[in-house]
C-alpha cells in the first residue's frame, strides 16, 4: 500500500481505510492493534503462543524462560509497530508530500517482525521438536 500511495495510485486516506476495514481489535493487547489480514494472523499466532505454547515450553524446559520473555516482549513491540503504521498514514493525510514517516513505520514493522521470526526459529525449533507445542504431543 505504501508503494501505491507513493505512486499516486492510492490516496493515504484510502490506504488507511483499507487497513482499518481489514482490521480487528485484539482484546488480549492492552493498547489494541489495527492490522490487515496478515496482521490478524500474526496477532492470533502470538496469542496462541502466549497463552498455550510458551507456558508449555517454560514448564517443560525452565531454562527457556529468558527466551520466552524476550519473545513475549517482541509480540508487544510488533503490535506497537502496526499501530505506528496507522499513525503514519494519518500523518500522511495531512502531509501528502511526505513519505519519510510512513516509510520508517513500514520499515520498522518489517525489521521488527523479521528479527522476531528469525530469533524464534533459532531458539525454539529444536526445543519444540523435543517437547512439542502442547503437553503429550511428543
Protein backbone atom coordinates (compact mmCIF):
# COMPACT_ATOMS: atom_id res chain seq x y z
CA UNK A 1 0.00 0.00 0.00
CA UNK A 2 2.88 2.38 0.71
CA UNK A 3 4.13 1.97 -2.84
CA UNK A 4 0.64 2.62 -4.20
CA UNK A 5 0.34 5.78 -2.09
CA UNK A 6 3.80 6.95 -3.16
CA UNK A 7 2.99 6.30 -6.83
CA UNK A 8 -0.29 8.21 -6.60
CA UNK A 9 -2.37 5.09 -7.27
CA UNK A 10 -3.95 5.18 -3.81
CA UNK A 11 -4.66 8.10 -1.50
CA UNK A 12 -3.31 7.81 2.05
CA UNK A 13 -6.85 8.04 3.40
CA UNK A 14 -7.90 5.14 1.18
CA UNK A 15 -4.91 3.10 2.35
CA UNK A 16 -5.87 3.79 5.95
CA UNK A 17 -9.47 2.82 5.22
CA UNK A 18 -8.28 -0.45 3.68
CA UNK A 19 -6.07 -1.15 6.69
CA UNK A 20 -8.94 -0.48 9.08
CA UNK A 21 -11.51 -2.41 7.02
CA UNK A 22 -9.31 -5.50 7.22
CA UNK A 23 -8.59 -4.89 10.88
CA UNK A 24 -9.73 -6.42 14.12
CA UNK A 25 -9.06 -5.31 17.66
CA UNK A 26 -7.31 -7.88 19.79
CA UNK A 27 -8.69 -7.79 23.34
CA UNK A 28 -5.56 -9.50 24.62
CA UNK A 29 -3.37 -6.50 23.74
CA UNK A 30 -3.79 -3.63 26.19
CA UNK A 31 -3.29 -0.97 23.54
CA UNK A 32 -5.14 -2.88 20.84
CA UNK A 33 -3.88 -3.12 17.32
CA UNK A 34 -5.35 -2.49 13.94
CA UNK A 35 -3.89 -4.69 11.28
CA UNK A 36 -4.52 -6.21 7.90
CA UNK A 37 -5.50 -9.85 7.50
CA UNK A 38 -1.85 -10.81 7.75
CA UNK A 39 -1.50 -8.82 10.96
CA UNK A 40 -4.62 -10.53 12.29
CA UNK A 41 -2.95 -13.90 11.68
CA UNK A 42 0.19 -12.63 13.40
CA UNK A 43 -1.85 -11.47 16.40
CA UNK A 44 -3.70 -14.79 16.62
CA UNK A 45 -0.40 -16.63 16.34
CA UNK A 46 1.12 -14.53 19.11
CA UNK A 47 -1.91 -15.05 21.34
CA UNK A 48 -1.72 -18.82 20.87
CA UNK A 49 1.98 -18.74 21.73
CA UNK A 50 1.48 -16.51 24.78
CA UNK A 51 -1.38 -18.49 26.34
CA UNK A 52 -0.52 -22.03 25.31
CA UNK A 53 2.81 -22.78 23.66
CA UNK A 54 5.07 -20.56 25.77
CA UNK A 55 3.71 -21.72 29.15
CA UNK A 56 4.11 -25.34 27.98
CA UNK A 57 7.71 -24.72 26.89
CA UNK A 58 8.57 -22.93 30.12
CA UNK A 59 7.15 -25.80 32.21
CA UNK A 60 8.95 -28.41 30.10
CA UNK A 61 12.25 -26.53 29.93
CA UNK A 62 12.62 -23.79 32.57
CA UNK A 63 15.92 -22.68 31.01
CA UNK A 64 13.87 -21.26 28.09
CA UNK A 65 12.27 -18.61 30.31
CA UNK A 66 14.58 -15.75 29.17
CA UNK A 67 13.89 -16.66 25.52
CA UNK A 68 10.14 -16.78 26.15
CA UNK A 69 10.26 -13.44 27.99
CA UNK A 70 12.05 -11.82 25.05
CA UNK A 71 9.62 -13.27 22.51
CA UNK A 72 6.65 -12.08 24.56
CA UNK A 73 8.08 -8.55 24.74
CA UNK A 74 8.66 -8.65 20.98
CA UNK A 75 5.00 -9.54 20.43
CA UNK A 76 4.04 -6.24 22.04
CA UNK A 77 6.67 -4.36 20.00
CA UNK A 78 5.26 -5.82 16.78
CA UNK A 79 1.76 -4.69 17.63
CA UNK A 80 3.03 -1.23 18.55
CA UNK A 81 4.73 -1.13 15.14
CA UNK A 82 1.41 -1.96 13.46
CA UNK A 83 -0.23 0.93 15.30
CA UNK A 84 2.60 3.21 14.15
CA UNK A 85 1.87 2.35 10.52
CA UNK A 86 -1.70 3.52 11.06
CA UNK A 87 -0.50 6.72 12.76
CA UNK A 88 1.90 7.38 9.89
CA UNK A 89 -0.95 7.05 7.39
CA UNK A 90 -2.96 9.58 9.43
CA UNK A 91 0.04 11.96 9.36
CA UNK A 92 0.43 11.45 5.63
CA UNK A 93 -3.16 12.56 5.01
CA UNK A 94 -2.25 16.00 6.35
CA UNK A 95 1.17 15.99 4.69
CA UNK A 96 0.67 14.14 1.38
CA UNK A 97 4.12 15.01 0.04
CA UNK A 98 5.93 13.48 2.99
CA UNK A 99 6.75 9.80 2.86
CA UNK A 100 9.59 9.55 5.37
CA UNK A 101 7.45 8.86 8.45
CA UNK A 102 5.32 6.33 6.57
CA UNK A 103 8.33 4.55 5.13
CA UNK A 104 10.01 4.48 8.54
CA UNK A 105 6.89 2.92 10.10
CA UNK A 106 6.74 0.23 7.40
CA UNK A 107 10.47 -0.45 7.65
CA UNK A 108 10.27 -0.68 11.44
CA UNK A 109 7.39 -3.15 11.27
CA UNK A 110 9.24 -5.23 8.69
CA UNK A 111 12.51 -5.24 10.60
CA UNK A 112 10.84 -5.98 13.94
CA UNK A 113 8.81 -8.86 12.55
CA UNK A 114 11.66 -10.44 10.59
CA UNK A 115 14.04 -10.18 13.54
CA UNK A 116 11.44 -11.75 15.82
CA UNK A 117 10.77 -14.64 13.44
CA UNK A 118 14.49 -15.30 13.00
CA UNK A 119 15.14 -15.36 16.75
CA UNK A 120 12.09 -17.53 17.37
CA UNK A 121 13.21 -20.09 14.80
CA UNK A 122 16.78 -20.07 16.09
CA UNK A 123 15.78 -20.60 19.71
CA UNK A 124 12.61 -22.71 19.58
CA UNK A 125 12.75 -25.13 16.64
CA UNK A 126 14.86 -27.67 18.50
CA UNK A 127 13.00 -27.46 21.85
CA UNK A 128 9.65 -27.72 20.06
CA UNK A 129 10.87 -30.82 18.23
CA UNK A 130 11.70 -32.36 21.63
CA UNK A 131 8.67 -31.40 23.70
CA UNK A 132 6.01 -30.40 21.13
CA UNK A 133 3.65 -27.45 21.11
CA UNK A 134 1.46 -28.84 23.87
CA UNK A 135 1.67 -31.46 26.62
CA UNK A 136 1.56 -35.02 25.36
CA UNK A 137 2.20 -34.10 21.73
CA UNK A 138 5.61 -35.79 21.57
